[in-house]
Protein backbone atom coordinates (compact mmCIF):
# COMPACT_ATOMS: atom_id res chain seq x y z
CA MET A 1 89.06 117.71 116.18
CA GLN A 2 88.72 118.02 112.40
CA GLU A 3 91.89 117.40 110.39
CA ASP A 4 92.93 119.81 107.64
CA LYS A 5 93.07 117.74 104.47
CA SER A 6 93.48 120.65 102.06
CA GLN A 7 97.09 119.76 101.27
CA LEU A 8 96.42 116.02 100.90
CA MET A 9 95.98 116.09 97.12
CA ASN A 10 98.90 118.46 96.49
CA TYR A 11 101.40 116.50 98.53
CA ALA A 12 100.10 113.16 97.21
CA MET A 13 100.75 114.44 93.67
CA TYR A 14 104.21 115.61 94.68
CA GLY A 15 105.10 112.27 96.27
CA GLY A 16 103.39 110.39 93.44
CA VAL A 17 105.85 111.86 90.97
CA PHE A 18 108.78 110.40 92.89
CA LEU A 19 107.12 107.04 93.51
CA GLY A 20 106.03 106.90 89.86
CA LEU A 21 109.58 107.60 88.68
CA PHE A 22 110.80 104.83 91.00
CA TRP A 23 108.23 102.45 89.50
CA MET A 24 109.24 103.47 86.00
CA LEU A 25 112.83 102.57 86.84
CA LYS A 26 111.66 99.28 88.32
CA TYR A 27 109.59 98.56 85.20
CA LEU A 28 112.68 99.01 83.03
CA PHE A 29 114.06 95.95 84.80
CA VAL A 30 110.85 94.06 83.98
CA MET A 31 111.28 95.00 80.34
CA GLY A 32 114.92 93.96 80.33
CA ALA A 33 114.21 90.66 82.09
CA GLY A 34 113.05 89.19 78.78
CA ARG A 35 116.62 89.38 77.50
CA ILE A 36 118.60 89.22 80.75
CA PRO A 37 116.86 87.03 83.39
CA ALA A 38 119.01 88.39 86.23
CA LEU A 39 117.23 91.74 85.87
CA SER A 40 114.05 90.07 87.07
CA ILE A 41 115.71 89.35 90.41
CA LEU A 42 116.93 92.93 90.66
CA GLY A 43 113.45 94.22 89.79
CA SER A 44 111.96 92.06 92.53
CA PHE A 45 114.52 93.39 94.97
CA LEU A 46 113.51 96.94 94.06
CA ALA A 47 109.89 96.09 94.91
CA VAL A 48 110.92 96.26 98.58
CA GLY A 49 111.49 99.97 98.04
CA THR A 50 107.80 100.71 97.52
CA PRO A 51 106.75 100.38 101.19
CA LEU A 52 109.85 102.35 102.18
CA VAL A 53 108.95 105.19 99.81
CA LEU A 54 105.38 105.12 101.16
CA PHE A 55 106.71 105.31 104.72
CA TYR A 56 109.05 108.17 103.82
CA PHE A 57 106.32 110.28 102.23
CA LEU A 58 103.83 109.51 105.01
CA VAL A 59 106.31 110.70 107.64
CA LYS A 60 107.26 113.73 105.58
CA TYR A 61 103.58 114.59 105.05
CA LYS A 62 102.83 114.09 108.74
CA THR A 63 105.68 116.30 109.94
CA ALA A 64 105.79 118.99 107.25
CA ILE A 65 102.15 119.42 106.24
CA VAL A 66 99.82 118.35 109.05
CA ASN A 67 102.12 119.21 111.99
CA ASN A 68 102.24 115.68 113.46
CA ASN A 69 98.45 115.55 113.62
CA MET A 70 97.53 112.83 111.13
CA GLY A 71 94.73 110.40 111.86
CA TYR A 72 94.82 106.79 110.71
CA TRP A 73 92.28 107.16 107.88
CA HIS A 74 93.85 110.45 106.82
CA GLY A 75 97.13 108.56 106.34
CA VAL A 76 95.37 105.77 104.45
CA GLN A 77 93.76 108.33 102.14
CA PHE A 78 97.15 109.90 101.53
CA GLY A 79 98.66 106.50 100.70
CA ILE A 80 95.87 105.65 98.26
CA MET A 81 96.21 109.00 96.52
CA LEU A 82 100.00 108.68 96.43
CA PHE A 83 99.74 105.29 94.71
CA PHE A 84 97.08 106.58 92.31
CA PHE A 85 99.25 109.42 91.06
CA ALA A 86 102.32 107.18 90.88
CA SER A 87 100.35 104.62 88.87
CA LEU A 88 99.60 107.25 86.24
CA LEU A 89 103.33 107.62 85.60
CA GLU A 90 103.85 103.87 85.58
CA ALA A 91 100.98 103.56 83.10
CA VAL A 92 102.94 105.71 80.65
CA ILE A 93 105.90 103.35 80.54
CA VAL A 94 103.65 100.28 80.42
CA PHE A 95 101.77 101.85 77.50
CA ILE A 96 105.03 102.48 75.65
CA HIS A 97 106.18 98.93 76.39
CA ILE A 98 103.09 97.05 75.24
CA THR A 99 102.32 99.38 72.33
CA TRP A 100 105.72 99.87 70.70
CA VAL A 101 108.46 97.83 72.38
CA ASP A 102 106.90 94.37 72.89
CA GLN A 103 103.48 94.07 71.34
CA ALA A 104 103.25 90.36 72.22
CA PHE A 105 103.85 90.98 75.95
CA VAL A 106 100.19 90.77 77.01
CA GLY A 107 99.63 87.68 74.86
CA LYS A 108 102.63 85.92 76.39
CA LEU A 109 101.47 86.93 79.85
CA TYR A 110 98.04 85.38 79.29
CA GLU A 111 99.59 82.24 77.74
CA ASN A 112 101.69 81.82 80.89
CA MET A 113 98.57 82.30 83.03
CA ILE A 114 96.70 79.59 81.10
CA GLU A 115 99.70 77.25 81.36
CA THR A 116 99.83 77.85 85.12
CA VAL A 117 96.13 77.01 85.44
CA ARG A 118 96.76 73.79 83.49
CA MET A 119 99.69 72.83 85.73
CA MET A 120 97.51 73.36 88.81
CA ASN A 121 95.13 70.70 87.43
CA LEU A 122 92.09 72.91 87.72
CA SER A 123 88.93 72.03 85.85
CA GLU A 124 89.17 71.81 82.08
CA SER A 125 86.15 74.11 81.74
CA MET A 126 88.07 76.85 83.55
CA VAL A 127 91.03 76.41 81.20
CA ASN A 128 88.70 76.49 78.19
CA SER A 129 86.94 79.62 79.40
CA LEU A 130 90.30 81.36 79.89
CA GLU A 131 91.43 80.33 76.42
CA ASP A 132 88.19 81.57 74.85
CA GLN A 133 88.47 85.04 76.35
CA PRO A 134 89.89 87.68 74.03
CA LEU A 135 93.02 89.53 75.08
CA PRO A 136 92.30 92.86 76.76
CA THR A 137 92.85 96.06 74.85
CA THR A 138 95.84 98.19 75.80
CA VAL A 139 93.66 100.63 77.72
CA ASN A 140 91.82 97.85 79.57
CA TYR A 141 95.09 96.12 80.44
CA ILE A 142 96.65 99.32 81.77
CA PHE A 143 93.54 100.33 83.71
CA SER A 144 93.02 96.95 85.38
CA ASN A 145 96.57 95.61 85.72
CA VAL A 146 98.42 98.85 86.44
CA ILE A 147 96.22 101.62 87.81
CA LEU A 148 93.63 99.59 89.76
CA ALA A 149 96.25 97.07 90.92
CA ASP A 150 98.55 99.86 92.18
CA VAL A 151 95.71 101.63 93.99
CA PHE A 152 94.67 98.35 95.62
CA ILE A 153 98.26 97.64 96.70
CA GLY A 154 98.48 101.21 98.00
CA MET A 155 95.36 100.70 100.08
CA ILE A 156 96.61 97.42 101.56
CA LEU A 157 100.13 98.75 102.23
CA SER A 158 98.73 101.93 103.77
CA LEU A 159 96.66 99.92 106.22
CA PHE A 160 99.89 98.43 107.58
CA VAL A 161 102.39 101.29 107.10
CA VAL A 162 100.30 104.21 108.43
CA PRO A 163 100.46 103.07 112.09
CA PHE A 164 104.27 102.95 111.90
CA ALA A 165 104.41 106.36 110.24
CA ARG A 166 102.10 107.83 112.88
CA ARG A 167 104.32 106.56 115.70
CA TYR A 168 107.62 107.50 114.09
CA THR A 169 109.10 110.84 115.11
CA PRO A 170 112.22 111.81 113.20
CA ALA A 171 115.10 113.24 115.22
CA ASN A 172 115.76 116.93 114.75
CA ARG A 173 119.19 117.29 113.24
CA LYS A 174 120.62 120.77 113.00
């Protein structure tokens, strides 16, 4: 039986707005962690909310849009699209952060990465090659470290969350 996927994009955009707003809130804690380290812990705690939001929108999509007839790969597609649209909103706040708020953020991030590679006692040639690489442009950083990373995380999370969402049947409360 062929599944109707006509509403997949619309509902993924709808859910992506909410997930993106959640990520924007979470990113505010990342921004504030430079001044108040305790916000980093709170931001990490909020990261647990991402799979819960994915689960919520998968169940809502399954029950409201596809009438409890959602295949595994249909759910995975929905999760990937949900994360893609949410990442576009998160990209806005990351752009504002690294363009106007903290222009040295990417540089500090890459310095920490090089220092971590040094502490791991990896080959000196690897450290030298990392040091010789230029910093990515704002667009490259956002595309690779926000949008592609979020879509990849969405794909991986969807592989694990979709089976639970497919089995879950919410109780009718009237």
